[in-house]
Amino acid sequence: MKNNTKKLVFAALMAALTYVATIIIQIPSPTNGYIHMGDGLVFLSGALLGPLYGGLAAGIGSMFVDLLSGYTHYVVGTFLIKMLAAMACGFLCKHLTTTIKNPIPRTLISGLSGALIIVVGYFLYESLYLGYGFAAASGVLGNIAQTVFGTITVTILYPLLMKANIQRIMNE
């Protein structure tokens, strides 16, 4: 199978896994949203597939959750924010390889960059686009908690998948 076809298949798989990880356990938040496990898969998509395919997989998988869960006013924002978070994570995970050999700190830094994009992105989206103004700040703590959990998840899963030679499987 051609490398681009294989990457597309893995991107579709990561989009589906992101959707499932987000939808399966949702803890309602008092700030109009919910806390979920999907951000770990958002960051993992970027780390495994790189910025382009990982970003699209994360954006599409996350967007479908909002679309099918009644949060349609978040669809565009979620797609863009999660895509950018995965792209940043993928970019840093790839480019930090030369300076940081250990995958744990490299993935931690990459995950934190994605977390920052999600927290700031949703604050800006809610305050400016949805018109919540400073009331959007009420969701920041929930987003921080969620993205910290996602960063921990990717920091654990990515090195384990590298030890299992997932890159070899993806590139065969």
N, C-alpha and C. Protein backbone atom coordinates (compact mmCIF):
# COMPACT_ATOMS: atom_id res chain seq x y z
N MET A 1 0.85 -1.17 0.00
CA MET A 1 0.00 0.00 0.00
C MET A 1 0.90 1.24 0.00
N LYS A 2 0.53 2.23 -0.80
CA LYS A 2 1.32 3.46 -0.87
C LYS A 2 1.33 4.16 0.49
N ASN A 3 2.41 4.88 0.73
CA ASN A 3 2.58 5.56 2.02
C ASN A 3 1.47 6.57 2.29
N ASN A 4 1.05 7.34 1.26
CA ASN A 4 -0.02 8.32 1.46
C ASN A 4 -1.34 7.65 1.79
N THR A 5 -1.61 6.53 1.13
CA THR A 5 -2.85 5.78 1.41
C THR A 5 -2.82 5.25 2.83
N LYS A 6 -1.69 4.73 3.23
CA LYS A 6 -1.56 4.20 4.59
C LYS A 6 -1.71 5.31 5.62
N LYS A 7 -1.12 6.48 5.35
CA LYS A 7 -1.27 7.61 6.28
C LYS A 7 -2.72 8.05 6.37
N LEU A 8 -3.41 8.03 5.25
CA LEU A 8 -4.82 8.40 5.24
C LEU A 8 -5.65 7.42 6.06
N VAL A 9 -5.34 6.14 5.93
CA VAL A 9 -6.05 5.10 6.71
C VAL A 9 -5.78 5.29 8.20
N PHE A 10 -4.52 5.54 8.56
CA PHE A 10 -4.19 5.77 9.98
C PHE A 10 -4.83 7.06 10.49
N ALA A 11 -4.92 8.07 9.61
CA ALA A 11 -5.59 9.33 10.01
C ALA A 11 -7.07 9.07 10.28
N ALA A 12 -7.71 8.27 9.45
CA ALA A 12 -9.11 7.93 9.67
C ALA A 12 -9.27 7.15 10.97
N LEU A 13 -8.35 6.24 11.23
CA LEU A 13 -8.38 5.47 12.48
C LEU A 13 -8.21 6.39 13.69
N MET A 14 -7.28 7.33 13.61
CA MET A 14 -7.07 8.26 14.72
C MET A 14 -8.27 9.19 14.90
N ALA A 15 -8.90 9.59 13.80
CA ALA A 15 -10.12 10.42 13.91
C ALA A 15 -11.20 9.64 14.65
N ALA A 16 -11.36 8.36 14.29
CA ALA A 16 -12.37 7.53 14.95
C ALA A 16 -12.03 7.31 16.42
N LEU A 17 -10.77 7.06 16.73
CA LEU A 17 -10.36 6.87 18.12
C LEU A 17 -10.53 8.15 18.94
N THR A 18 -10.25 9.29 18.31
CA THR A 18 -10.45 10.57 18.98
C THR A 18 -11.92 10.77 19.30
N TYR A 19 -12.78 10.44 18.34
CA TYR A 19 -14.22 10.54 18.55
C TYR A 19 -14.65 9.66 19.73
N VAL A 20 -14.23 8.40 19.70
CA VAL A 20 -14.63 7.45 20.75
C VAL A 20 -14.10 7.89 22.12
N ALA A 21 -12.83 8.31 22.17
CA ALA A 21 -12.25 8.74 23.46
C ALA A 21 -12.94 9.98 24.01
N THR A 22 -13.48 10.80 23.11
CA THR A 22 -14.17 12.01 23.55
C THR A 22 -15.60 11.71 23.99
N ILE A 23 -16.27 10.83 23.28
CA ILE A 23 -17.71 10.61 23.50
C ILE A 23 -17.98 9.58 24.60
N ILE A 24 -17.05 8.66 24.82
CA ILE A 24 -17.35 7.51 25.69
C ILE A 24 -17.47 7.91 27.16
N ILE A 25 -16.58 8.79 27.63
CA ILE A 25 -16.67 9.26 29.01
C ILE A 25 -16.71 10.78 28.97
N GLN A 26 -17.86 11.34 29.29
CA GLN A 26 -18.02 12.79 29.34
C GLN A 26 -18.48 13.17 30.74
N ILE A 27 -17.68 14.00 31.37
CA ILE A 27 -18.03 14.50 32.70
C ILE A 27 -18.54 15.92 32.51
N PRO A 28 -19.84 16.14 32.75
CA PRO A 28 -20.39 17.49 32.54
C PRO A 28 -19.66 18.54 33.38
N SER A 29 -19.45 19.67 32.75
CA SER A 29 -18.78 20.78 33.41
C SER A 29 -19.81 21.85 33.72
N PRO A 30 -19.69 22.53 34.83
CA PRO A 30 -20.66 23.59 35.15
C PRO A 30 -20.55 24.80 34.22
N THR A 31 -19.57 24.77 33.32
CA THR A 31 -19.34 25.92 32.43
C THR A 31 -19.78 25.64 31.00
N ASN A 32 -20.86 24.89 30.82
CA ASN A 32 -21.47 24.68 29.51
C ASN A 32 -20.76 23.67 28.63
N GLY A 33 -19.91 22.86 29.14
CA GLY A 33 -19.21 21.87 28.33
C GLY A 33 -19.08 20.57 29.08
N TYR A 34 -18.02 19.85 28.78
CA TYR A 34 -17.76 18.58 29.45
C TYR A 34 -16.27 18.28 29.38
N ILE A 35 -15.81 17.50 30.35
CA ILE A 35 -14.42 17.07 30.39
C ILE A 35 -14.37 15.65 29.84
N HIS A 36 -13.38 15.38 28.99
CA HIS A 36 -13.31 14.08 28.30
C HIS A 36 -11.87 13.63 28.14
N MET A 37 -11.68 12.46 27.57
CA MET A 37 -10.35 11.88 27.37
C MET A 37 -9.80 12.12 25.97
N GLY A 38 -10.51 12.82 25.13
CA GLY A 38 -10.14 12.94 23.73
C GLY A 38 -8.88 13.73 23.44
N ASP A 39 -8.50 14.67 24.31
CA ASP A 39 -7.33 15.48 24.01
C ASP A 39 -6.04 14.67 23.97
N GLY A 40 -5.98 13.60 24.73
CA GLY A 40 -4.82 12.71 24.63
C GLY A 40 -4.68 12.14 23.23
N LEU A 41 -5.81 11.80 22.61
CA LEU A 41 -5.79 11.29 21.24
C LEU A 41 -5.55 12.39 20.23
N VAL A 42 -6.00 13.60 20.54
CA VAL A 42 -5.70 14.75 19.68
C VAL A 42 -4.19 14.92 19.60
N PHE A 43 -3.52 14.95 20.75
CA PHE A 43 -2.08 15.12 20.78
C PHE A 43 -1.35 13.92 20.17
N LEU A 44 -1.86 12.73 20.43
CA LEU A 44 -1.25 11.52 19.88
C LEU A 44 -1.36 11.50 18.36
N SER A 45 -2.47 11.99 17.82
CA SER A 45 -2.64 12.06 16.37
C SER A 45 -1.53 12.90 15.75
N GLY A 46 -1.27 14.05 16.33
CA GLY A 46 -0.20 14.91 15.82
C GLY A 46 1.16 14.26 15.96
N ALA A 47 1.42 13.66 17.12
CA ALA A 47 2.73 13.05 17.36
C ALA A 47 2.99 11.88 16.42
N LEU A 48 1.99 11.06 16.18
CA LEU A 48 2.18 9.88 15.33
C LEU A 48 2.13 10.18 13.84
N LEU A 49 1.21 11.03 13.43
CA LEU A 49 0.96 11.23 12.01
C LEU A 49 1.58 12.50 11.44
N GLY A 50 2.13 13.34 12.30
CA GLY A 50 2.69 14.59 11.83
C GLY A 50 1.64 15.68 11.78
N PRO A 51 2.06 16.90 11.48
CA PRO A 51 1.15 18.04 11.54
C PRO A 51 -0.06 17.95 10.61
N LEU A 52 0.13 17.58 9.36
CA LEU A 52 -0.98 17.62 8.40
C LEU A 52 -2.02 16.54 8.68
N TYR A 53 -1.62 15.29 8.58
CA TYR A 53 -2.57 14.20 8.78
C TYR A 53 -3.06 14.13 10.23
N GLY A 54 -2.16 14.37 11.17
CA GLY A 54 -2.55 14.36 12.58
C GLY A 54 -3.51 15.49 12.91
N GLY A 55 -3.26 16.66 12.34
CA GLY A 55 -4.15 17.80 12.56
C GLY A 55 -5.53 17.56 12.00
N LEU A 56 -5.58 17.03 10.79
CA LEU A 56 -6.89 16.75 10.18
C LEU A 56 -7.63 15.66 10.95
N ALA A 57 -6.92 14.61 11.36
CA ALA A 57 -7.56 13.53 12.12
C ALA A 57 -8.14 14.06 13.43
N ALA A 58 -7.36 14.85 14.14
CA ALA A 58 -7.81 15.40 15.43
C ALA A 58 -8.98 16.35 15.24
N GLY A 59 -8.89 17.22 14.25
CA GLY A 59 -9.97 18.18 14.00
C GLY A 59 -11.26 17.50 13.59
N ILE A 60 -11.16 16.54 12.69
CA ILE A 60 -12.37 15.86 12.21
C ILE A 60 -12.99 15.01 13.31
N GLY A 61 -12.18 14.21 14.01
CA GLY A 61 -12.72 13.37 15.08
C GLY A 61 -13.39 14.18 16.17
N SER A 62 -12.76 15.28 16.57
CA SER A 62 -13.32 16.13 17.63
C SER A 62 -14.55 16.89 17.15
N MET A 63 -14.52 17.34 15.91
CA MET A 63 -15.64 18.09 15.35
C MET A 63 -16.91 17.24 15.30
N PHE A 64 -16.75 15.96 14.93
CA PHE A 64 -17.93 15.10 14.85
C PHE A 64 -18.58 14.88 16.21
N VAL A 65 -17.80 14.92 17.27
CA VAL A 65 -18.40 14.80 18.61
C VAL A 65 -19.35 15.96 18.85
N ASP A 66 -18.89 17.17 18.59
CA ASP A 66 -19.75 18.34 18.79
C ASP A 66 -20.95 18.31 17.86
N LEU A 67 -20.73 17.91 16.62
CA LEU A 67 -21.81 17.86 15.64
C LEU A 67 -22.90 16.88 16.06
N LEU A 68 -22.51 15.72 16.55
CA LEU A 68 -23.47 14.67 16.89
C LEU A 68 -23.96 14.72 18.34
N SER A 69 -23.39 15.62 19.14
CA SER A 69 -23.79 15.72 20.55
C SER A 69 -24.62 16.96 20.85
N GLY A 70 -24.94 17.73 19.84
CA GLY A 70 -25.77 18.90 20.05
C GLY A 70 -25.00 20.18 20.35
N TYR A 71 -23.69 20.15 20.24
CA TYR A 71 -22.87 21.34 20.46
C TYR A 71 -22.50 21.96 19.11
N THR A 72 -23.48 22.12 18.24
CA THR A 72 -23.21 22.56 16.87
C THR A 72 -22.56 23.94 16.80
N HIS A 73 -22.80 24.77 17.79
CA HIS A 73 -22.18 26.10 17.79
C HIS A 73 -20.66 26.02 18.04
N TYR A 74 -20.17 24.85 18.41
CA TYR A 74 -18.73 24.66 18.63
C TYR A 74 -18.05 23.94 17.47
N VAL A 75 -18.77 23.47 16.48
CA VAL A 75 -18.21 22.62 15.43
C VAL A 75 -17.00 23.27 14.74
N VAL A 76 -17.17 24.48 14.25
CA VAL A 76 -16.08 25.16 13.53
C VAL A 76 -14.90 25.43 14.46
N GLY A 77 -15.19 25.95 15.64
CA GLY A 77 -14.13 26.24 16.60
C GLY A 77 -13.38 24.99 17.01
N THR A 78 -14.10 23.93 17.31
CA THR A 78 -13.46 22.68 17.71
C THR A 78 -12.58 22.15 16.60
N PHE A 79 -13.08 22.15 15.38
CA PHE A 79 -12.27 21.66 14.26
C PHE A 79 -10.95 22.42 14.18
N LEU A 80 -11.03 23.74 14.17
CA LEU A 80 -9.82 24.56 14.02
C LEU A 80 -8.88 24.46 15.22
N ILE A 81 -9.45 24.52 16.42
CA ILE A 81 -8.62 24.50 17.63
C ILE A 81 -7.92 23.16 17.79
N LYS A 82 -8.65 22.07 17.65
CA LYS A 82 -8.04 20.74 17.83
C LYS A 82 -7.06 20.44 16.70
N MET A 83 -7.37 20.91 15.48
CA MET A 83 -6.45 20.72 14.37
C MET A 83 -5.14 21.45 14.65
N LEU A 84 -5.23 22.71 15.08
CA LEU A 84 -4.02 23.48 15.38
C LEU A 84 -3.23 22.89 16.54
N ALA A 85 -3.94 22.38 17.55
CA ALA A 85 -3.26 21.76 18.69
C ALA A 85 -2.48 20.52 18.25
N ALA A 86 -3.10 19.67 17.44
CA ALA A 86 -2.42 18.47 16.96
C ALA A 86 -1.27 18.83 16.02
N MET A 87 -1.47 19.87 15.21
CA MET A 87 -0.40 20.30 14.31
C MET A 87 0.82 20.78 15.10
N ALA A 88 0.58 21.56 16.14
CA ALA A 88 1.69 22.04 16.97
C ALA A 88 2.39 20.88 17.65
N CYS A 89 1.60 19.96 18.17
CA CYS A 89 2.16 18.79 18.85
C CYS A 89 2.99 17.95 17.86
N GLY A 90 2.45 17.73 16.68
CA GLY A 90 3.16 16.96 15.66
C GLY A 90 4.43 17.64 15.19
N PHE A 91 4.35 18.94 14.98
CA PHE A 91 5.52 19.70 14.53
C PHE A 91 6.64 19.64 15.56
N LEU A 92 6.29 19.92 16.81
CA LEU A 92 7.31 19.92 17.87
C LEU A 92 7.85 18.53 18.14
N CYS A 93 6.98 17.54 18.13
CA CYS A 93 7.42 16.17 18.40
C CYS A 93 8.45 15.73 17.35
N LYS A 94 8.22 16.14 16.12
CA LYS A 94 9.15 15.79 15.03
C LYS A 94 10.44 16.59 15.12
N HIS A 95 10.33 17.91 15.30
CA HIS A 95 11.51 18.76 15.24
C HIS A 95 12.34 18.77 16.51
N LEU A 96 11.77 18.38 17.62
CA LEU A 96 12.55 18.30 18.86
C LEU A 96 13.36 17.01 18.94
N THR A 97 13.15 16.11 17.99
CA THR A 97 13.85 14.82 17.98
C THR A 97 15.36 15.02 17.94
N THR A 98 15.82 16.04 17.24
CA THR A 98 17.27 16.26 17.12
C THR A 98 17.88 16.80 18.41
N THR A 99 17.11 17.56 19.17
CA THR A 99 17.66 18.16 20.39
C THR A 99 17.30 17.41 21.67
N ILE A 100 16.15 16.74 21.66
CA ILE A 100 15.71 15.99 22.85
C ILE A 100 15.51 14.53 22.43
N LYS A 101 16.47 13.69 22.75
CA LYS A 101 16.41 12.28 22.32
C LYS A 101 15.36 11.48 23.09
N ASN A 102 15.19 11.78 24.37
CA ASN A 102 14.24 11.05 25.20
C ASN A 102 12.81 11.43 24.79
N PRO A 103 11.98 10.45 24.40
CA PRO A 103 10.63 10.78 23.93
C PRO A 103 9.69 11.32 25.02
N ILE A 104 10.00 11.08 26.28
CA ILE A 104 9.09 11.53 27.35
C ILE A 104 9.09 13.06 27.48
N PRO A 105 10.24 13.71 27.68
CA PRO A 105 10.18 15.18 27.74
C PRO A 105 9.79 15.81 26.42
N ARG A 106 10.20 15.18 25.31
CA ARG A 106 9.82 15.70 23.99
C ARG A 106 8.30 15.69 23.82
N THR A 107 7.67 14.61 24.20
CA THR A 107 6.22 14.49 24.09
C THR A 107 5.52 15.39 25.09
N LEU A 108 6.09 15.53 26.26
CA LEU A 108 5.52 16.42 27.28
C LEU A 108 5.50 17.86 26.78
N ILE A 109 6.60 18.32 26.23
CA ILE A 109 6.67 19.69 25.68
C ILE A 109 5.68 19.84 24.53
N SER A 110 5.63 18.85 23.65
CA SER A 110 4.71 18.89 22.52
C SER A 110 3.26 18.93 22.98
N GLY A 111 2.93 18.09 23.96
CA GLY A 111 1.57 18.06 24.50
C GLY A 111 1.18 19.37 25.16
N LEU A 112 2.12 19.96 25.89
CA LEU A 112 1.83 21.24 26.54
C LEU A 112 1.59 22.36 25.53
N SER A 113 2.28 22.28 24.39
CA SER A 113 2.03 23.29 23.34
C SER A 113 0.61 23.15 22.81
N GLY A 114 0.18 21.91 22.60
CA GLY A 114 -1.20 21.68 22.16
C GLY A 114 -2.20 22.10 23.22
N ALA A 115 -1.87 21.85 24.48
CA ALA A 115 -2.75 22.23 25.58
C ALA A 115 -2.94 23.74 25.63
N LEU A 116 -1.86 24.47 25.44
CA LEU A 116 -1.93 25.93 25.44
C LEU A 116 -2.83 26.43 24.32
N ILE A 117 -2.70 25.83 23.15
CA ILE A 117 -3.55 26.22 22.01
C ILE A 117 -5.02 25.95 22.31
N ILE A 118 -5.32 24.82 22.94
CA ILE A 118 -6.71 24.50 23.25
C ILE A 118 -7.29 25.47 24.28
N VAL A 119 -6.56 25.72 25.35
CA VAL A 119 -7.06 26.62 26.40
C VAL A 119 -7.27 28.03 25.86
N VAL A 120 -6.27 28.57 25.20
CA VAL A 120 -6.38 29.92 24.65
C VAL A 120 -7.39 29.95 23.50
N GLY A 121 -7.36 28.92 22.66
CA GLY A 121 -8.27 28.87 21.52
C GLY A 121 -9.74 28.88 21.92
N TYR A 122 -10.10 28.05 22.89
CA TYR A 122 -11.50 28.03 23.33
C TYR A 122 -11.89 29.32 24.05
N PHE A 123 -10.96 29.90 24.80
CA PHE A 123 -11.27 31.18 25.45
C PHE A 123 -11.57 32.24 24.39
N LEU A 124 -10.72 32.33 23.38
CA LEU A 124 -10.94 33.33 22.32
C LEU A 124 -12.20 33.03 21.52
N TYR A 125 -12.42 31.76 21.20
CA TYR A 125 -13.60 31.38 20.43
C TYR A 125 -14.88 31.72 21.18
N GLU A 126 -14.91 31.37 22.46
CA GLU A 126 -16.11 31.63 23.26
C GLU A 126 -16.30 33.12 23.54
N SER A 127 -15.23 33.82 23.83
CA SER A 127 -15.37 35.24 24.17
C SER A 127 -15.64 36.10 22.96
N LEU A 128 -15.00 35.82 21.83
CA LEU A 128 -15.15 36.68 20.66
C LEU A 128 -16.21 36.18 19.68
N TYR A 129 -16.12 34.92 19.28
CA TYR A 129 -17.05 34.41 18.26
C TYR A 129 -18.44 34.12 18.83
N LEU A 130 -18.49 33.45 19.98
CA LEU A 130 -19.79 33.13 20.58
C LEU A 130 -20.35 34.29 21.38
N GLY A 131 -19.54 35.30 21.63
CA GLY A 131 -20.02 36.50 22.31
C GLY A 131 -20.15 36.39 23.82
N TYR A 132 -19.43 35.45 24.43
CA TYR A 132 -19.53 35.29 25.88
C TYR A 132 -18.75 36.36 26.64
N GLY A 133 -17.87 37.06 25.97
CA GLY A 133 -17.05 38.07 26.63
C GLY A 133 -16.17 37.44 27.70
N PHE A 134 -16.02 38.15 28.82
CA PHE A 134 -15.17 37.65 29.89
C PHE A 134 -15.77 36.44 30.61
N ALA A 135 -17.04 36.16 30.38
CA ALA A 135 -17.65 34.96 30.97
C ALA A 135 -16.99 33.69 30.44
N ALA A 136 -16.33 33.79 29.29
CA ALA A 136 -15.62 32.64 28.73
C ALA A 136 -14.48 32.18 29.64
N ALA A 137 -14.02 33.06 30.50
CA ALA A 137 -12.95 32.70 31.43
C ALA A 137 -13.38 31.59 32.39
N SER A 138 -14.68 31.42 32.58
CA SER A 138 -15.17 30.38 33.48
C SER A 138 -14.84 28.98 32.97
N GLY A 139 -14.60 28.83 31.69
CA GLY A 139 -14.27 27.52 31.13
C GLY A 139 -12.79 27.21 31.11
N VAL A 140 -11.96 28.17 31.46
CA VAL A 140 -10.52 28.00 31.36
C VAL A 140 -10.01 26.89 32.28
N LEU A 141 -10.46 26.86 33.53
CA LEU A 141 -9.98 25.83 34.47
C LEU A 141 -10.34 24.42 34.00
N GLY A 142 -11.55 24.24 33.50
CA GLY A 142 -11.95 22.94 32.97
C GLY A 142 -11.09 22.54 31.79
N ASN A 143 -10.80 23.49 30.91
CA ASN A 143 -9.94 23.19 29.76
C ASN A 143 -8.51 22.88 30.18
N ILE A 144 -8.03 23.57 31.22
CA ILE A 144 -6.69 23.28 31.72
C ILE A 144 -6.64 21.85 32.26
N ALA A 145 -7.62 21.49 33.08
CA ALA A 145 -7.66 20.13 33.65
C ALA A 145 -7.71 19.08 32.55
N GLN A 146 -8.55 19.31 31.57
CA GLN A 146 -8.72 18.36 30.47
C GLN A 146 -7.44 18.21 29.65
N THR A 147 -6.79 19.33 29.35
CA THR A 147 -5.58 19.26 28.53
C THR A 147 -4.38 18.73 29.30
N VAL A 148 -4.35 18.95 30.60
CA VAL A 148 -3.28 18.35 31.41
C VAL A 148 -3.43 16.83 31.37
N PHE A 149 -4.65 16.35 31.51
CA PHE A 149 -4.89 14.91 31.42
C PHE A 149 -4.49 14.40 30.03
N GLY A 150 -4.82 15.15 29.00
CA GLY A 150 -4.44 14.77 27.63
C GLY A 150 -2.93 14.74 27.45
N THR A 151 -2.24 15.71 28.05
CA THR A 151 -0.78 15.76 27.95
C THR A 151 -0.15 14.57 28.66
N ILE A 152 -0.68 14.22 29.82
CA ILE A 152 -0.19 13.04 30.54
C ILE A 152 -0.43 11.79 29.70
N THR A 153 -1.60 11.70 29.10
CA THR A 153 -1.95 10.53 28.28
C THR A 153 -0.97 10.36 27.12
N VAL A 154 -0.72 11.43 26.37
CA VAL A 154 0.19 11.32 25.22
C VAL A 154 1.62 11.08 25.68
N THR A 155 2.00 11.62 26.82
CA THR A 155 3.35 11.43 27.33
C THR A 155 3.58 9.97 27.73
N ILE A 156 2.53 9.28 28.10
CA ILE A 156 2.64 7.85 28.42
C ILE A 156 2.51 6.99 27.16
N LEU A 157 1.50 7.27 26.34
CA LEU A 157 1.22 6.41 25.18
C LEU A 157 2.26 6.51 24.06
N TYR A 158 2.71 7.70 23.74
CA TYR A 158 3.62 7.87 22.61
C TYR A 158 4.92 7.07 22.79
N PRO A 159 5.63 7.19 23.93
CA PRO A 159 6.85 6.38 24.08
C PRO A 159 6.57 4.88 24.04
N LEU A 160 5.44 4.46 24.59
CA LEU A 160 5.10 3.03 24.54
C LEU A 160 4.88 2.57 23.10
N LEU A 161 4.19 3.38 22.32
CA LEU A 161 3.96 3.03 20.92
C LEU A 161 5.26 3.05 20.12
N MET A 162 6.18 3.94 20.47
CA MET A 162 7.48 3.97 19.79
C MET A 162 8.27 2.70 20.11
N LYS A 163 8.20 2.25 21.37
CA LYS A 163 8.88 1.01 21.74
C LYS A 163 8.26 -0.19 21.02
N ALA A 164 6.98 -0.11 20.73
CA ALA A 164 6.29 -1.19 20.01
C ALA A 164 6.49 -1.08 18.50
N ASN A 165 7.33 -0.16 18.07
CA ASN A 165 7.64 0.03 16.65
C ASN A 165 6.44 0.41 15.80
N ILE A 166 5.57 1.26 16.31
CA ILE A 166 4.39 1.68 15.55
C ILE A 166 4.79 2.40 14.26
N GLN A 167 5.91 3.14 14.28
CA GLN A 167 6.34 3.84 13.07
C GLN A 167 6.70 2.86 11.97
N ARG A 168 7.32 1.74 12.32
CA ARG A 168 7.65 0.73 11.32
C ARG A 168 6.37 0.16 10.72
N ILE A 169 5.39 -0.12 11.56
CA ILE A 169 4.11 -0.65 11.08
C ILE A 169 3.42 0.36 10.18
N MET A 170 3.47 1.62 10.55
CA MET A 170 2.81 2.65 9.75
C MET A 170 3.52 2.90 8.42
N ASN A 171 4.82 2.62 8.36
CA ASN A 171 5.58 2.91 7.15
C ASN A 171 5.86 1.69 6.28
N GLU A 172 5.38 0.51 6.66
CA GLU A 172 5.62 -0.69 5.84
C GLU A 172 4.97 -0.58 4.49
